[in-house]
C-alpha atoms as a PDB file:
ATOM      1  CA  MET A   1     169.331  84.894 -86.369  1.00  0.00           C
ATOM      2  CA  GLU A   2     169.564  84.770 -90.372  1.00  0.00           C
ATOM      3  CA  ILE A   3     169.917  87.430 -92.800  1.00  0.00           C
ATOM      4  CA  ALA A   4     168.390  87.565 -96.405  1.00  0.00           C
ATOM      5  CA  LEU A   5     169.824  89.529 -99.290  1.00  0.00           C
ATOM      6  CA  VAL A   6     167.348  90.189-102.026  1.00  0.00           C
ATOM      7  CA  HIS A   7     169.098  90.920-105.343  1.00  0.00           C
ATOM      8  CA  PRO A   8     172.428  91.844-103.975  1.00  0.00           C
ATOM      9  CA  GLU A   9     174.668  93.700-106.392  1.00  0.00           C
ATOM     10  CA  ILE A  10     177.879  94.370-104.827  1.00  0.00           C
ATOM     11  CA  PRO A  11     180.193  91.240-103.879  1.00  0.00           C
ATOM     12  CA  GLY A  12     182.065  93.272-101.451  1.00  0.00           C
ATOM     13  CA  ASN A  13     179.058  93.997 -99.011  1.00  0.00           C
ATOM     14  CA  THR A  14     178.147  90.259 -99.495  1.00  0.00           C
ATOM     15  CA  GLY A  15     181.393  89.191 -98.546  1.00  0.00           C
ATOM     16  CA  ASN A  16     181.428  91.551 -95.519  1.00  0.00           C
ATOM     17  CA  ILE A  17     178.073  90.212 -94.484  1.00  0.00           C
ATOM     18  CA  GLY A  18     178.890  86.636 -94.799  1.00  0.00           C
ATOM     19  CA  ARG A  19     181.822  87.357 -92.638  1.00  0.00           C
ATOM     20  CA  SER A  20     179.405  89.015 -90.075  1.00  0.00           C
ATOM     21  CA  CYS A  21     177.180  85.934 -90.378  1.00  0.00           C
ATOM     22  CA  VAL A  22     179.980  83.209 -89.868  1.00  0.00           C
ATOM     23  CA  ALA A  23     181.193  85.581 -86.686  1.00  0.00           C
ATOM     24  CA  THR A  24     177.710  85.300 -85.225  1.00  0.00           C
ATOM     25  CA  MET A  25     176.583  81.755 -86.265  1.00  0.00           C
ATOM     26  CA  SER A  26     174.291  83.205 -88.489  1.00  0.00           C
ATOM     27  CA  LYS A  27     172.921  81.797 -91.929  1.00  0.00           C
ATOM     28  CA  LEU A  28     172.859  83.720 -95.094  1.00  0.00           C
ATOM     29  CA  HIS A  29     170.479  83.673 -97.725  1.00  0.00           C
ATOM     30  CA  LEU A  30     171.085  84.949-101.333  1.00  0.00           C
ATOM     31  CA  VAL A  31     168.060  85.576-103.418  1.00  0.00           C
ATOM     32  CA  LYS A  32     168.958  85.524-107.216  1.00  0.00           C
ATOM     33  CA  PRO A  33     169.420  87.252-109.279  1.00  0.00           C
ATOM     34  CA  LEU A  34     172.636  88.418-108.094  1.00  0.00           C
ATOM     35  CA  GLY A  35     174.837  91.099-109.101  1.00  0.00           C
ATOM     36  CA  PHE A  36     177.838  88.990-109.222  1.00  0.00           C
ATOM     37  CA  SER A  37     179.249  85.253-109.227  1.00  0.00           C
ATOM     38  CA  ILE A  38     179.086  83.125-106.003  1.00  0.00           C
ATOM     39  CA  GLU A  39     182.746  82.362-107.176  1.00  0.00           C
ATOM     40  CA  ASP A  40     183.672  86.122-107.338  1.00  0.00           C
ATOM     41  CA  ARG A  41     187.151  86.756-105.819  1.00  0.00           C
ATOM     42  CA  TRP A  42     185.963  90.148-104.628  1.00  0.00           C
ATOM     43  CA  LEU A  43     183.198  88.118-102.878  1.00  0.00           C
ATOM     44  CA  LYS A  44     185.320  85.687-101.378  1.00  0.00           C
ATOM     45  CA  ARG A  45     187.930  88.560-100.320  1.00  0.00           C
ATOM     46  CA  ALA A  46     185.743  90.583 -98.310  1.00  0.00           C
ATOM     47  CA  GLY A  47     184.817  87.217 -96.494  1.00  0.00           C
ATOM     48  CA  LEU A  48     188.515  86.463 -96.049  1.00  0.00           C
ATOM     49  CA  ASP A  49     188.894  83.077 -95.418  1.00  0.00           C
ATOM     50  CA  TYR A  50     186.093  82.533 -93.636  1.00  0.00           C
ATOM     51  CA  TRP A  51     183.673  82.071 -96.577  1.00  0.00           C
ATOM     52  CA  GLN A  52     184.395  78.195 -96.451  1.00  0.00           C
ATOM     53  CA  TYR A  53     182.496  78.401 -93.149  1.00  0.00           C
ATOM     54  CA  ILE A  54     179.108  80.130 -94.112  1.00  0.00           C
ATOM     55  CA  ASP A  55     175.948  78.349 -93.605  1.00  0.00           C
ATOM     56  CA  LEU A  56     174.882  79.643 -97.148  1.00  0.00           C
ATOM     57  CA  GLU A  57     171.653  79.120 -99.031  1.00  0.00           C
ATOM     58  CA  VAL A  58     170.870  80.530-102.230  1.00  0.00           C
ATOM     59  CA  HIS A  59     167.491  81.047-103.791  1.00  0.00           C
ATOM     60  CA  GLU A  60     166.651  80.865-107.497  1.00  0.00           C
ATOM     61  CA  SER A  61     163.596  84.004-106.808  1.00  0.00           C
ATOM     62  CA  LEU A  62     162.107  85.753-104.408  1.00  0.00           C
ATOM     63  CA  GLU A  63     159.168  83.559-104.988  1.00  0.00           C
ATOM     64  CA  HIS A  64     161.382  80.429-103.945  1.00  0.00           C
ATOM     65  CA  PHE A  65     162.603  82.409-100.800  1.00  0.00           C
ATOM     66  CA  LEU A  66     159.270  83.258 -99.897  1.00  0.00           C
ATOM     67  CA  THR A  67     158.126  79.589-100.106  1.00  0.00           C
ATOM     68  CA  SER A  68     160.581  78.036 -97.867  1.00  0.00           C
ATOM     69  CA  VAL A  69     160.541  80.199 -94.910  1.00  0.00           C
ATOM     70  CA  ASN A  70     157.713  81.259 -92.200  1.00  0.00           C
ATOM     71  CA  HIS A  71     156.804  84.890 -93.296  1.00  0.00           C
ATOM     72  CA  ASP A  72     156.197  85.669 -89.528  1.00  0.00           C
ATOM     73  CA  ARG A  73     160.166  85.193 -89.076  1.00  0.00           C
ATOM     74  CA  LEU A  74     160.589  88.506 -91.495  1.00  0.00           C
ATOM     75  CA  ILE A  75     161.881  91.617 -90.579  1.00  0.00           C
ATOM     76  CA  LEU A  76     162.353  93.750 -93.304  1.00  0.00           C
ATOM     77  CA  PHE A  77     164.829  96.889 -93.524  1.00  0.00           C
ATOM     78  CA  SER A  78     164.089 100.061 -95.768  1.00  0.00           C
ATOM     79  CA  ARG A  79     165.385 103.468 -95.641  1.00  0.00           C
ATOM     80  CA  PHE A  80     161.479 104.200 -96.314  1.00  0.00           C
ATOM     81  CA  ALA A  81     159.958 102.603 -93.241  1.00  0.00           C
ATOM     82  CA  GLN A  82     158.626 104.301 -90.171  1.00  0.00           C
ATOM     83  CA  LYS A  83     159.517 102.313 -87.467  1.00  0.00           C
ATOM     84  CA  SER A  84     163.171 102.035 -86.204  1.00  0.00           C
ATOM     85  CA  TYR A  85     165.238  98.604 -85.922  1.00  0.00           C
ATOM     86  CA  TRP A  86     165.371  99.238 -82.259  1.00  0.00           C
ATOM     87  CA  ASP A  87     161.681  98.602 -82.087  1.00  0.00           C
ATOM     88  CA  ALA A  88     161.980  95.338 -84.160  1.00  0.00           C
ATOM     89  CA  PRO A  89     160.257  92.107 -82.642  1.00  0.00           C
ATOM     90  CA  TYR A  90     163.679  89.987 -82.739  1.00  0.00           C
ATOM     91  CA  LYS A  91     163.537  86.501 -82.111  1.00  0.00           C
ATOM     92  CA  GLN A  92     166.395  83.440 -82.137  1.00  0.00           C
ATOM     93  CA  ASP A  93     164.757  82.737 -85.637  1.00  0.00           C
ATOM     94  CA  SER A  94     164.424  85.797 -87.092  1.00  0.00           C
ATOM     95  CA  ILE A  95     165.297  86.364 -90.899  1.00  0.00           C
ATOM     96  CA  LEU A  96     166.514  89.813 -91.391  1.00  0.00           C
ATOM     97  CA  VAL A  97     165.886  90.816 -94.854  1.00  0.00           C
ATOM     98  CA  PHE A  98     167.859  93.561 -96.910  1.00  0.00           C
ATOM     99  CA  GLY A  99     167.242  94.818-100.579  1.00  0.00           C
ATOM    100  CA  SER A 100     169.688  95.690-103.131  1.00  0.00           C
ATOM    101  CA  GLU A 101     172.332  98.323-102.589  1.00  0.00           C
ATOM    102  CA  THR A 102     170.806 100.576-105.463  1.00  0.00           C
ATOM    103  CA  LYS A 103     167.025  99.636-105.637  1.00  0.00           C
ATOM    104  CA  GLY A 104     166.213  98.180-102.019  1.00  0.00           C
ATOM    105  CA  LEU A 105     163.561  95.638-101.594  1.00  0.00           C
ATOM    106  CA  PRO A 106     160.979  95.340-104.491  1.00  0.00           C
ATOM    107  CA  GLU A 107     157.647  97.131-104.238  1.00  0.00           C
ATOM    108  CA  PHE A 108     155.396  94.229-104.401  1.00  0.00           C
ATOM    109  CA  PHE A 109     157.543  92.593-101.360  1.00  0.00           C
ATOM    110  CA  LYS A 110     157.417  95.845 -99.271  1.00  0.00           C
ATOM    111  CA  ASP A 111     153.736  96.091 -99.834  1.00  0.00           C
ATOM    112  CA  ARG A 112     152.848  92.593 -98.544  1.00  0.00           C
ATOM    113  CA  PHE A 113     155.202  93.039 -95.321  1.00  0.00           C
ATOM    114  CA  GLN A 114     154.028  96.529 -94.523  1.00  0.00           C
ATOM    115  CA  ASP A 115     153.741  95.789 -90.784  1.00  0.00           C
ATOM    116  CA  GLN A 116     157.241  94.136 -90.812  1.00  0.00           C
ATOM    117  CA  GLN A 117     159.127  96.906 -91.795  1.00  0.00           C
ATOM    118  CA  TYR A 118     161.880  98.538 -90.154  1.00  0.00           C
ATOM    119  CA  LEU A 119     164.722 101.393 -90.963  1.00  0.00           C
ATOM    120  CA  VAL A 120     168.170 102.263 -89.233  1.00  0.00           C
ATOM    121  CA  PRO A 121     167.683 106.040 -88.905  1.00  0.00           C
ATOM    122  CA  VAL A 122     170.226 108.272 -90.699  1.00  0.00           C
ATOM    123  CA  PRO A 123     169.618 111.902 -89.376  1.00  0.00           C
ATOM    124  CA  GLY A 124     173.051 113.302 -90.904  1.00  0.00           C
ATOM    125  CA  LYS A 125     173.120 114.259 -94.779  1.00  0.00           C
ATOM    126  CA  VAL A 126     173.609 111.171 -96.462  1.00  0.00           C
ATOM    127  CA  ARG A 127     170.766 109.223 -98.375  1.00  0.00           C
ATOM    128  CA  SER A 128     171.442 106.103 -96.779  1.00  0.00           C
ATOM    129  CA  LEU A 129     174.143 103.803 -95.202  1.00  0.00           C
ATOM    130  CA  ASN A 130     176.075 100.871 -96.644  1.00  0.00           C
ATOM    131  CA  LEU A 131     174.261  97.728 -96.881  1.00  0.00           C
ATOM    132  CA  ALA A 132     177.170  95.773 -95.046  1.00  0.00           C
ATOM    133  CA  THR A 133     176.980  98.285 -92.206  1.00  0.00           C
ATOM    134  CA  CYS A 134     173.094  98.525 -91.981  1.00  0.00           C
ATOM    135  CA  ALA A 135     173.182  94.458 -91.794  1.00  0.00           C
ATOM    136  CA  GLY A 136     175.827  94.265 -88.986  1.00  0.00           C
ATOM    137  CA  ILE A 137     173.960  96.960 -86.953  1.00  0.00           C
ATOM    138  CA  ALA A 138     170.548  95.142 -87.333  1.00  0.00           C
ATOM    139  CA  LEU A 139     172.218  91.680 -86.571  1.00  0.00           C
ATOM    140  CA  TYR A 140     173.910  92.819 -83.506  1.00  0.00           C
ATOM    141  CA  GLU A 141     170.836  94.808 -82.234  1.00  0.00           C
ATOM    142  CA  GLY A 142     169.168  91.488 -82.597  1.00  0.00           C
ATOM    143  CA  ILE A 143     171.432  89.395 -80.908  1.00  0.00           C
ATOM    144  CA  ARG A 144     171.623  92.034 -77.895  1.00  0.00           C
ATOM    145  CA  GLN A 145     168.080  92.039 -77.816  1.00  0.00           C
ATOM    146  CA  ILE A 146     167.990  88.084 -77.362  1.00  0.00           C
ATOM    147  CA  SER A 147     171.274  87.801 -75.921  1.00  0.00           C
ATOM    148  CA  LYS A 148     172.398  84.889 -78.203  1.00  0.00           C
ATOM    149  CA  LEU A 149     176.269  85.495 -77.988  1.00  0.00           C
END
């Protein structure tokens, strides 16, 4: 399983997601523009001393990312989706796609993949969960469903 972050803004979130990727042997895709440098100390601090072990691919643009992956592998996450992440069709080669912390996924991207969008339900009185929290929830649900670990 893999995770793709489209235009992430907060290095600590990306570092935490990177650490989860190392823990689960999952590849991490970062899609530029990024809100930080890959060399950012907060990014590496959040990833602790595991950052050197991450299977990382950085894409220059969303278009570059889309030309490099099979679209059937994509499972998008949006707080505006109608289907729960419990119902996502996780597979060993799925790529879990998350947007930026403040803007989410670009509209044209969501429009193109409408049937592949899922949400992590938040019934409480908050707008949304932290990006790293959502990524971890979705990643471990996918692993649970396919019994990868």
